[in-house]
Amino acid sequence: MPEGAPIELDLRLEAVMEGVLVTGSAETGYEAECSRCLDPIQGTLEAPFQELFRYPGEDGLGPQDTDTEDEEEDYYLEGELLDLEQVVRDAVVLALPLSPLCREDCPGLCAECGEKLAEAGPEHGHGEGIDPRWEALRNLGEEFGDR
């Protein structure tokens, strides 16, 4: 995602006993490169999220229990404000494609020369293509084949 890219939010805020429940989605564009042919690609994604922003404790501070390593991260209201930055960032990052493709049937790059197989055509090849690890066995077969 380019820095400073606009993010469109669709939010629903509900007051519940524990705090404010935020349900919504974030829509934004992203830039990446195809994981097969390395061409630059652009796309849009929609990332749904739902998070509870808890009311502060009686002392006015955030989390009352500081030993919450095993639990999920809790979010707290700051006065009458809530900070959605971390929630939206996490949702967008999780919605990004793991292996983005320029198109579903992208053939990728040639393993021998690095040429794009989509542009190379069906006649593209590199000789016999014998694995060098089998070369000694081929030589042995030729040696016994001569007898």
C-alpha atoms as a PDB file:
ATOM      1  CA  MET A   1       0.000   0.000   0.000  1.00  0.00           C
ATOM      2  CA  PRO A   2       1.538   3.341  -0.947  1.00  0.00           C
ATOM      3  CA  GLU A   3       2.213   5.684   1.935  1.00  0.00           C
ATOM      4  CA  GLY A   4      -0.525   8.257   2.270  1.00  0.00           C
ATOM      5  CA  ALA A   5      -2.989   6.222   0.172  1.00  0.00           C
ATOM      6  CA  PRO A   6      -6.621   7.016   0.969  1.00  0.00           C
ATOM      7  CA  ILE A   7      -8.601   4.446   2.940  1.00  0.00           C
ATOM      8  CA  GLU A   8     -12.382   4.482   2.780  1.00  0.00           C
ATOM      9  CA  LEU A   9     -14.022   3.358   6.017  1.00  0.00           C
ATOM     10  CA  ASP A  10     -17.567   2.129   6.522  1.00  0.00           C
ATOM     11  CA  LEU A  11     -18.225   2.025  10.278  1.00  0.00           C
ATOM     12  CA  ARG A  12     -20.960   1.106  12.704  1.00  0.00           C
ATOM     13  CA  LEU A  13     -20.508   2.059  16.362  1.00  0.00           C
ATOM     14  CA  GLU A  14     -22.616   0.388  19.055  1.00  0.00           C
ATOM     15  CA  ALA A  15     -22.617   1.179  22.762  1.00  0.00           C
ATOM     16  CA  VAL A  16     -22.541  -2.073  24.743  1.00  0.00           C
ATOM     17  CA  MET A  17     -22.047  -2.815  28.458  1.00  0.00           C
ATOM     18  CA  GLU A  18     -18.259  -3.261  28.179  1.00  0.00           C
ATOM     19  CA  GLY A  19     -17.558  -0.364  25.832  1.00  0.00           C
ATOM     20  CA  VAL A  20     -18.071   0.553  22.180  1.00  0.00           C
ATOM     21  CA  LEU A  21     -18.269  -2.189  19.559  1.00  0.00           C
ATOM     22  CA  VAL A  22     -16.852  -1.027  16.222  1.00  0.00           C
ATOM     23  CA  THR A  23     -17.873  -3.040  13.162  1.00  0.00           C
ATOM     24  CA  GLY A  24     -16.832  -2.004   9.703  1.00  0.00           C
ATOM     25  CA  SER A  25     -14.677  -2.412   6.659  1.00  0.00           C
ATOM     26  CA  ALA A  26     -11.757  -0.587   5.115  1.00  0.00           C
ATOM     27  CA  GLU A  27     -11.383  -0.280   1.347  1.00  0.00           C
ATOM     28  CA  THR A  28      -8.099   0.794  -0.212  1.00  0.00           C
ATOM     29  CA  GLY A  29      -5.817   0.232  -3.155  1.00  0.00           C
ATOM     30  CA  TYR A  30      -2.504  -1.594  -3.076  1.00  0.00           C
ATOM     31  CA  GLU A  31       0.566  -1.966  -5.259  1.00  0.00           C
ATOM     32  CA  ALA A  32       2.599  -5.179  -5.452  1.00  0.00           C
ATOM     33  CA  GLU A  33       4.508  -7.305  -7.921  1.00  0.00           C
ATOM     34  CA  CYS A  34       3.351 -10.570  -9.416  1.00  0.00           C
ATOM     35  CA  SER A  35       4.863 -13.448  -7.463  1.00  0.00           C
ATOM     36  CA  ARG A  36       5.501 -15.385 -10.700  1.00  0.00           C
ATOM     37  CA  CYS A  37       6.652 -12.875 -13.351  1.00  0.00           C
ATOM     38  CA  LEU A  38       7.547  -9.874 -11.127  1.00  0.00           C
ATOM     39  CA  ASP A  39       5.406  -7.426 -13.138  1.00  0.00           C
ATOM     40  CA  PRO A  40       3.981  -4.547 -11.089  1.00  0.00           C
ATOM     41  CA  ILE A  41       0.279  -4.904 -10.318  1.00  0.00           C
ATOM     42  CA  GLN A  42      -2.356  -2.756  -8.663  1.00  0.00           C
ATOM     43  CA  GLY A  43      -5.555  -3.798  -7.001  1.00  0.00           C
ATOM     44  CA  THR A  44      -8.145  -2.890  -4.425  1.00  0.00           C
ATOM     45  CA  LEU A  45      -9.067  -4.773  -1.311  1.00  0.00           C
ATOM     46  CA  GLU A  46     -11.797  -4.681   1.280  1.00  0.00           C
ATOM     47  CA  ALA A  47     -10.868  -5.605   4.836  1.00  0.00           C
ATOM     48  CA  PRO A  48     -13.691  -6.260   7.313  1.00  0.00           C
ATOM     49  CA  PHE A  49     -13.040  -5.830  11.032  1.00  0.00           C
ATOM     50  CA  GLN A  50     -14.820  -5.860  14.370  1.00  0.00           C
ATOM     51  CA  GLU A  51     -13.278  -4.679  17.620  1.00  0.00           C
ATOM     52  CA  LEU A  52     -14.450  -3.818  21.112  1.00  0.00           C
ATOM     53  CA  PHE A  53     -13.084  -0.624  22.631  1.00  0.00           C
ATOM     54  CA  ARG A  54     -13.468  -1.031  26.386  1.00  0.00           C
ATOM     55  CA  TYR A  55     -14.345   1.710  28.827  1.00  0.00           C
ATOM     56  CA  PRO A  56     -11.399   2.744  31.010  1.00  0.00           C
ATOM     57  CA  GLY A  57     -11.168   1.250  34.509  1.00  0.00           C
ATOM     58  CA  GLU A  58     -12.451   2.959  37.619  1.00  0.00           C
ATOM     59  CA  ASP A  59      -9.090   4.701  38.070  1.00  0.00           C
ATOM     60  CA  GLY A  60      -9.369   6.237  34.606  1.00  0.00           C
ATOM     61  CA  LEU A  61      -6.422   4.260  33.271  1.00  0.00           C
ATOM     62  CA  GLY A  62      -6.550   1.675  30.489  1.00  0.00           C
ATOM     63  CA  PRO A  63      -6.021  -2.004  31.231  1.00  0.00           C
ATOM     64  CA  GLN A  64      -6.398  -2.911  34.900  1.00  0.00           C
ATOM     65  CA  ASP A  65      -4.590  -6.248  34.582  1.00  0.00           C
ATOM     66  CA  THR A  66      -1.040  -5.723  33.318  1.00  0.00           C
ATOM     67  CA  ASP A  67      -0.322  -9.462  33.000  1.00  0.00           C
ATOM     68  CA  THR A  68      -2.302 -10.086  29.778  1.00  0.00           C
ATOM     69  CA  GLU A  69       0.355 -11.739  27.605  1.00  0.00           C
ATOM     70  CA  ASP A  70      -1.864 -14.751  26.846  1.00  0.00           C
ATOM     71  CA  GLU A  71      -4.925 -12.692  25.953  1.00  0.00           C
ATOM     72  CA  GLU A  72      -5.631 -10.711  22.828  1.00  0.00           C
ATOM     73  CA  GLU A  73      -4.738  -7.048  22.815  1.00  0.00           C
ATOM     74  CA  ASP A  74      -7.482  -4.950  24.344  1.00  0.00           C
ATOM     75  CA  TYR A  75      -8.333  -1.495  23.061  1.00  0.00           C
ATOM     76  CA  TYR A  76      -9.612   1.250  25.329  1.00  0.00           C
ATOM     77  CA  LEU A  77     -11.533   4.464  24.804  1.00  0.00           C
ATOM     78  CA  GLU A  78      -9.481   7.589  25.419  1.00  0.00           C
ATOM     79  CA  GLY A  79     -12.068   9.897  26.889  1.00  0.00           C
ATOM     80  CA  GLU A  80     -14.711  10.090  24.177  1.00  0.00           C
ATOM     81  CA  LEU A  81     -12.250   9.146  21.425  1.00  0.00           C
ATOM     82  CA  LEU A  82     -11.157   5.835  19.995  1.00  0.00           C
ATOM     83  CA  ASP A  83      -8.061   5.223  17.893  1.00  0.00           C
ATOM     84  CA  LEU A  84      -8.764   2.973  14.896  1.00  0.00           C
ATOM     85  CA  GLU A  85      -5.257   3.135  13.394  1.00  0.00           C
ATOM     86  CA  GLN A  86      -3.983  -0.208  14.742  1.00  0.00           C
ATOM     87  CA  VAL A  87      -7.290  -2.002  14.082  1.00  0.00           C
ATOM     88  CA  VAL A  88      -7.487  -0.804  10.462  1.00  0.00           C
ATOM     89  CA  ARG A  89      -3.785  -1.478   9.837  1.00  0.00           C
ATOM     90  CA  ASP A  90      -4.082  -5.059  11.113  1.00  0.00           C
ATOM     91  CA  ALA A  91      -7.215  -5.716   9.047  1.00  0.00           C
ATOM     92  CA  VAL A  92      -5.676  -4.324   5.845  1.00  0.00           C
ATOM     93  CA  VAL A  93      -2.392  -6.205   6.272  1.00  0.00           C
ATOM     94  CA  LEU A  94      -4.257  -9.474   6.845  1.00  0.00           C
ATOM     95  CA  ALA A  95      -6.397  -8.865   3.742  1.00  0.00           C
ATOM     96  CA  LEU A  96      -3.390  -8.353   1.434  1.00  0.00           C
ATOM     97  CA  PRO A  97      -2.850 -11.298  -0.936  1.00  0.00           C
ATOM     98  CA  LEU A  98       0.003 -13.607   0.090  1.00  0.00           C
ATOM     99  CA  SER A  99       1.062 -14.331  -3.490  1.00  0.00           C
ATOM    100  CA  PRO A 100      -0.355 -11.622  -5.739  1.00  0.00           C
ATOM    101  CA  LEU A 101      -0.687 -12.566  -9.407  1.00  0.00           C
ATOM    102  CA  CYS A 102      -0.987 -10.314 -12.457  1.00  0.00           C
ATOM    103  CA  ARG A 103      -3.483 -12.834 -13.822  1.00  0.00           C
ATOM    104  CA  GLU A 104      -4.648 -16.235 -12.630  1.00  0.00           C
ATOM    105  CA  ASP A 105      -2.847 -18.214 -15.368  1.00  0.00           C
ATOM    106  CA  CYS A 106       0.482 -16.318 -15.252  1.00  0.00           C
ATOM    107  CA  PRO A 107       3.195 -18.781 -16.374  1.00  0.00           C
ATOM    108  CA  GLY A 108       6.009 -16.895 -14.621  1.00  0.00           C
ATOM    109  CA  LEU A 109       9.667 -16.767 -15.638  1.00  0.00           C
ATOM    110  CA  CYS A 110      11.883 -19.338 -17.367  1.00  0.00           C
ATOM    111  CA  ALA A 111      14.026 -21.091 -14.745  1.00  0.00           C
ATOM    112  CA  GLU A 112      17.022 -21.175 -17.129  1.00  0.00           C
ATOM    113  CA  CYS A 113      17.190 -17.660 -18.586  1.00  0.00           C
ATOM    114  CA  GLY A 114      14.630 -15.590 -16.652  1.00  0.00           C
ATOM    115  CA  GLU A 115      12.585 -14.634 -19.739  1.00  0.00           C
ATOM    116  CA  LYS A 116       8.863 -14.129 -19.224  1.00  0.00           C
ATOM    117  CA  LEU A 117       7.193 -17.313 -20.438  1.00  0.00           C
ATOM    118  CA  ALA A 118       4.063 -15.393 -21.467  1.00  0.00           C
ATOM    119  CA  GLU A 119       6.157 -13.477 -24.026  1.00  0.00           C
ATOM    120  CA  ALA A 120       8.550 -16.309 -24.977  1.00  0.00           C
ATOM    121  CA  GLY A 121       6.099 -18.457 -26.894  1.00  0.00           C
ATOM    122  CA  PRO A 122       5.824 -22.251 -27.183  1.00  0.00           C
ATOM    123  CA  GLU A 123       9.139 -22.679 -29.053  1.00  0.00           C
ATOM    124  CA  HIS A 124      11.137 -21.381 -26.078  1.00  0.00           C
ATOM    125  CA  GLY A 125      13.574 -24.024 -24.816  1.00  0.00           C
ATOM    126  CA  HIS A 126      17.154 -24.692 -23.797  1.00  0.00           C
ATOM    127  CA  GLY A 127      18.320 -27.847 -25.580  1.00  0.00           C
ATOM    128  CA  GLU A 128      17.928 -31.315 -24.104  1.00  0.00           C
ATOM    129  CA  GLY A 129      17.667 -30.027 -20.605  1.00  0.00           C
ATOM    130  CA  ILE A 130      19.434 -32.973 -18.951  1.00  0.00           C
ATOM    131  CA  ASP A 131      19.956 -32.550 -15.254  1.00  0.00           C
ATOM    132  CA  PRO A 132      23.740 -32.317 -14.675  1.00  0.00           C
ATOM    133  CA  ARG A 133      23.438 -34.724 -11.738  1.00  0.00           C
ATOM    134  CA  TRP A 134      22.464 -37.490 -14.198  1.00  0.00           C
ATOM    135  CA  GLU A 135      25.255 -36.700 -16.686  1.00  0.00           C
ATOM    136  CA  ALA A 136      27.609 -39.378 -15.240  1.00  0.00           C
ATOM    137  CA  LEU A 137      24.907 -42.032 -15.597  1.00  0.00           C
ATOM    138  CA  ARG A 138      24.325 -41.018 -19.226  1.00  0.00           C
ATOM    139  CA  ASN A 139      28.065 -41.279 -19.933  1.00  0.00           C
ATOM    140  CA  LEU A 140      28.131 -44.724 -18.314  1.00  0.00           C
ATOM    141  CA  GLY A 141      25.228 -45.841 -20.524  1.00  0.00           C
ATOM    142  CA  GLU A 142      27.003 -44.583 -23.638  1.00  0.00           C
ATOM    143  CA  GLU A 143      30.181 -46.423 -22.599  1.00  0.00           C
ATOM    144  CA  PHE A 144      28.394 -49.765 -22.210  1.00  0.00           C
ATOM    145  CA  GLY A 145      26.245 -49.139 -25.259  1.00  0.00           C
ATOM    146  CA  ASP A 146      29.367 -49.120 -27.456  1.00  0.00           C
ATOM    147  CA  ARG A 147      30.237 -52.762 -26.584  1.00  0.00           C
END
